[in-house]
PDB file of N, CA and C in Angstrom:
ATOM      1  N   MET A   1       0.567  -1.103   0.089  1.00  0.00           N
ATOM      2  CA  MET A   1       0.368  -0.119  -0.224  1.00  0.00           C
ATOM      3  C   MET A   1       0.578   1.272   0.383  1.00  0.00           C
ATOM      4  N   ALA A   2       2.040   0.869   0.395  1.00  0.00           N
ATOM      5  CA  ALA A   2       2.888   2.420   1.230  1.00  0.00           C
ATOM      6  C   ALA A   2       3.473   2.955  -0.301  1.00  0.00           C
ATOM      7  N   LYS A   3       3.790   1.447  -1.039  1.00  0.00           N
ATOM      8  CA  LYS A   3       4.230   1.624  -1.999  1.00  0.00           C
ATOM      9  C   LYS A   3       4.494   2.397  -3.404  1.00  0.00           C
ATOM     10  N   TYR A   4       2.417   1.973  -3.551  1.00  0.00           N
ATOM     11  CA  TYR A   4       2.277   2.914  -4.755  1.00  0.00           C
ATOM     12  C   TYR A   4       1.127   3.901  -3.789  1.00  0.00           C
ATOM     13  N   SER A   5       1.273   4.389  -3.162  1.00  0.00           N
ATOM     14  CA  SER A   5       0.550   5.508  -1.746  1.00  0.00           C
ATOM     15  C   SER A   5      -1.071   5.085  -2.220  1.00  0.00           C
ATOM     16  N   MET A   6      -1.496   4.194  -2.087  1.00  0.00           N
ATOM     17  CA  MET A   6      -3.059   3.323  -2.202  1.00  0.00           C
ATOM     18  C   MET A   6      -3.827   3.066  -0.736  1.00  0.00           C
ATOM     19  N   THR A   7      -4.888   3.148  -0.915  1.00  0.00           N
ATOM     20  CA  THR A   7      -5.820   2.534   0.311  1.00  0.00           C
ATOM     21  C   THR A   7      -5.492   0.867   0.281  1.00  0.00           C
ATOM     22  N   ARG A   8      -5.531   0.519   1.513  1.00  0.00           N
ATOM     23  CA  ARG A   8      -6.419  -1.007   1.311  1.00  0.00           C
ATOM     24  C   ARG A   8      -7.394  -1.171   0.271  1.00  0.00           C
ATOM     25  N   ASP A   9      -8.622  -0.763   0.151  1.00  0.00           N
ATOM     26  CA  ASP A   9      -9.390  -0.673  -0.568  1.00  0.00           C
ATOM     27  C   ASP A   9      -9.534  -0.530  -2.208  1.00  0.00           C
ATOM     28  N   GLN A  10      -8.134   0.691  -2.529  1.00  0.00           N
ATOM     29  CA  GLN A  10      -8.226   0.287  -3.451  1.00  0.00           C
ATOM     30  C   GLN A  10      -7.017  -0.382  -4.295  1.00  0.00           C
ATOM     31  N   LEU A  11      -6.537  -0.839  -3.289  1.00  0.00           N
ATOM     32  CA  LEU A  11      -5.493  -2.117  -4.106  1.00  0.00           C
ATOM     33  C   LEU A  11      -6.334  -3.262  -4.055  1.00  0.00           C
ATOM     34  N   TYR A  12      -7.151  -3.696  -3.409  1.00  0.00           N
ATOM     35  CA  TYR A  12      -8.207  -4.741  -3.586  1.00  0.00           C
ATOM     36  C   TYR A  12      -8.663  -4.462  -5.013  1.00  0.00           C
ATOM     37  N   HIS A  13      -9.410  -3.400  -4.782  1.00  0.00           N
ATOM     38  CA  HIS A  13     -10.323  -3.302  -6.328  1.00  0.00           C
ATOM     39  C   HIS A  13      -9.167  -3.454  -7.493  1.00  0.00           C
ATOM     40  N   TYR A  14      -7.863  -3.192  -7.974  1.00  0.00           N
ATOM     41  CA  TYR A  14      -6.974  -3.317  -8.484  1.00  0.00           C
ATOM     42  C   TYR A  14      -6.857  -5.111  -8.672  1.00  0.00           C
ATOM     43  N   ILE A  15      -6.738  -5.353  -7.497  1.00  0.00           N
ATOM     44  CA  ILE A  15      -6.524  -7.069  -7.760  1.00  0.00           C
ATOM     45  C   ILE A  15      -7.510  -7.603  -7.914  1.00  0.00           C
ATOM     46  N   LYS A  16      -8.913  -7.447  -8.202  1.00  0.00           N
ATOM     47  CA  LYS A  16     -10.252  -8.266  -8.185  1.00  0.00           C
ATOM     48  C   LYS A  16     -10.328  -7.714  -9.835  1.00  0.00           C
ATOM     49  N   THR A  17     -10.595  -6.300 -10.330  1.00  0.00           N
ATOM     50  CA  THR A  17     -10.899  -6.001 -11.034  1.00  0.00           C
ATOM     51  C   THR A  17      -9.558  -6.702 -12.401  1.00  0.00           C
ATOM     52  N   TYR A  18      -8.369  -6.271 -12.083  1.00  0.00           N
ATOM     53  CA  TYR A  18      -6.974  -7.054 -13.472  1.00  0.00           C
ATOM     54  C   TYR A  18      -6.835  -8.855 -12.711  1.00  0.00           C
ATOM     55  N   GLY A  19      -7.290  -9.157 -11.995  1.00  0.00           N
ATOM     56  CA  GLY A  19      -7.307 -10.747 -11.747  1.00  0.00           C
ATOM     57  C   GLY A  19      -5.710 -10.870 -11.632  1.00  0.00           C
ATOM     58  N   ILE A  20      -5.310 -10.288 -10.425  1.00  0.00           N
ATOM     59  CA  ILE A  20      -3.772 -10.143  -9.776  1.00  0.00           C
ATOM     60  C   ILE A  20      -3.742 -11.370  -9.083  1.00  0.00           C
ATOM     61  N   SER A  21      -3.270 -12.477  -9.044  1.00  0.00           N
ATOM     62  CA  SER A  21      -3.202 -13.307  -8.319  1.00  0.00           C
ATOM     63  C   SER A  21      -2.724 -13.374  -6.747  1.00  0.00           C
ATOM     64  N   LYS A  22      -3.490 -13.979  -6.125  1.00  0.00           N
ATOM     65  CA  LYS A  22      -3.470 -13.622  -4.363  1.00  0.00           C
ATOM     66  C   LYS A  22      -3.580 -15.457  -3.483  1.00  0.00           C
ATOM     67  N   VAL A  23      -2.677 -16.043  -2.936  1.00  0.00           N
ATOM     68  CA  VAL A  23      -2.917 -16.177  -1.884  1.00  0.00           C
ATOM     69  C   VAL A  23      -3.457 -16.117  -0.452  1.00  0.00           C
ATOM     70  N   LYS A  24      -4.644 -16.612   0.109  1.00  0.00           N
ATOM     71  CA  LYS A  24      -4.905 -16.293   1.678  1.00  0.00           C
ATOM     72  C   LYS A  24      -4.002 -17.297   2.836  1.00  0.00           C
ATOM     73  N   VAL A  25      -3.244 -17.073   3.348  1.00  0.00           N
ATOM     74  CA  VAL A  25      -1.913 -17.650   4.765  1.00  0.00           C
ATOM     75  C   VAL A  25      -2.677 -17.153   5.848  1.00  0.00           C
ATOM     76  N   GLY A  26      -3.938 -17.927   6.079  1.00  0.00           N
ATOM     77  CA  GLY A  26      -4.739 -17.393   7.822  1.00  0.00           C
ATOM     78  C   GLY A  26      -5.578 -16.798   7.577  1.00  0.00           C
ATOM     79  N   ARG A  27      -4.903 -15.116   8.231  1.00  0.00           N
ATOM     80  CA  ARG A  27      -5.690 -14.348   8.277  1.00  0.00           C
ATOM     81  C   ARG A  27      -4.532 -13.460   7.434  1.00  0.00           C
ATOM     82  N   ILE A  28      -3.446 -13.556   6.693  1.00  0.00           N
ATOM     83  CA  ILE A  28      -2.786 -12.884   5.456  1.00  0.00           C
ATOM     84  C   ILE A  28      -3.204 -13.520   4.538  1.00  0.00           C
ATOM     85  N   ILE A  29      -3.182 -12.366   3.669  1.00  0.00           N
ATOM     86  CA  ILE A  29      -3.581 -12.099   2.242  1.00  0.00           C
ATOM     87  C   ILE A  29      -2.387 -11.990   1.437  1.00  0.00           C
ATOM     88  N   LYS A  30      -1.375 -12.732   0.576  1.00  0.00           N
ATOM     89  CA  LYS A  30      -0.101 -12.870  -0.503  1.00  0.00           C
ATOM     90  C   LYS A  30      -0.534 -12.274  -1.731  1.00  0.00           C
ATOM     91  N   ILE A  31      -0.119 -11.636  -2.332  1.00  0.00           N
ATOM     92  CA  ILE A  31      -0.290 -10.994  -3.232  1.00  0.00           C
ATOM     93  C   ILE A  31       1.035 -11.252  -4.346  1.00  0.00           C
ATOM     94  N   SER A  32       0.955 -11.115  -5.497  1.00  0.00           N
ATOM     95  CA  SER A  32       2.065 -11.249  -6.464  1.00  0.00           C
ATOM     96  C   SER A  32       2.655 -10.209  -6.507  1.00  0.00           C
ATOM     97  N   LYS A  33       3.697  -9.749  -6.331  1.00  0.00           N
ATOM     98  CA  LYS A  33       4.263  -8.807  -6.365  1.00  0.00           C
ATOM     99  C   LYS A  33       4.483  -8.724  -7.631  1.00  0.00           C
ATOM    100  N   GLN A  34       4.820  -9.267  -8.662  1.00  0.00           N
ATOM    101  CA  GLN A  34       5.319  -8.933 -10.209  1.00  0.00           C
ATOM    102  C   GLN A  34       4.539  -8.844 -10.931  1.00  0.00           C
ATOM    103  N   GLU A  35       3.241  -9.557 -10.520  1.00  0.00           N
ATOM    104  CA  GLU A  35       2.130  -9.008 -11.761  1.00  0.00           C
ATOM    105  C   GLU A  35       1.869  -7.716 -10.800  1.00  0.00           C
ATOM    106  N   LEU A  36       1.970  -7.386  -9.516  1.00  0.00           N
ATOM    107  CA  LEU A  36       1.181  -5.658  -9.517  1.00  0.00           C
ATOM    108  C   LEU A  36       2.642  -4.798  -9.962  1.00  0.00           C
ATOM    109  N   ASP A  37       3.592  -4.686  -9.654  1.00  0.00           N
ATOM    110  CA  ASP A  37       4.764  -4.246 -10.374  1.00  0.00           C
ATOM    111  C   ASP A  37       4.824  -3.966 -12.169  1.00  0.00           C
ATOM    112  N   ASN A  38       3.955  -5.157 -12.704  1.00  0.00           N
ATOM    113  CA  ASN A  38       3.691  -5.194 -13.728  1.00  0.00           C
ATOM    114  C   ASN A  38       2.963  -4.141 -14.076  1.00  0.00           C
ATOM    115  N   LEU A  39       1.578  -4.104 -13.378  1.00  0.00           N
ATOM    116  CA  LEU A  39       0.222  -3.776 -13.743  1.00  0.00           C
ATOM    117  C   LEU A  39       0.487  -1.683 -13.707  1.00  0.00           C
ATOM    118  N   PHE A  40       1.333  -1.814 -12.346  1.00  0.00           N
ATOM    119  CA  PHE A  40       1.894  -0.106 -12.250  1.00  0.00           C
ATOM    120  C   PHE A  40       2.824   0.367 -12.610  1.00  0.00           C
ATOM    121  N   ALA A  41       3.533  -0.470 -14.056  1.00  0.00           N
ATOM    122  CA  ALA A  41       4.611   0.419 -14.366  1.00  0.00           C
ATOM    123  C   ALA A  41       4.520   0.856 -15.693  1.00  0.00           C
ATOM    124  N   PRO A  42       5.582   1.984 -15.635  1.00  0.00           N
ATOM    125  CA  PRO A  42       4.988   2.962 -16.832  1.00  0.00           C
ATOM    126  C   PRO A  42       4.957   2.421 -17.768  1.00  0.00           C
ATOM    127  N   PRO A  43       4.124   3.156 -19.246  1.00  0.00           N
ATOM    128  CA  PRO A  43       4.059   1.834 -20.200  1.00  0.00           C
ATOM    129  C   PRO A  43       5.309   2.086 -21.161  1.00  0.00           C
ATOM    130  N   LYS A  44       5.513   1.509 -22.214  1.00  0.00           N
ATOM    131  CA  LYS A  44       6.614   1.177 -22.476  1.00  0.00           C
ATOM    132  C   LYS A  44       6.137   2.067 -24.527  1.00  0.00           C
ATOM    133  N   ILE A  45       6.798   2.817 -24.564  1.00  0.00           N
ATOM    134  CA  ILE A  45       6.320   3.284 -25.666  1.00  0.00           C
ATOM    135  C   ILE A  45       7.500   2.954 -27.234  1.00  0.00           C
TER     136      ILE A  45
END
């Protein structure tokens, strides 16, 4: 959340909308860092 300056709800919205991989381990949700970085990377021209 801090890396992308987003709230938890905004981050969860992007995860759901773009189908980012996630795994629930107990109370913690682990998100694919590589997929998230690719989503928020600047566009290539």
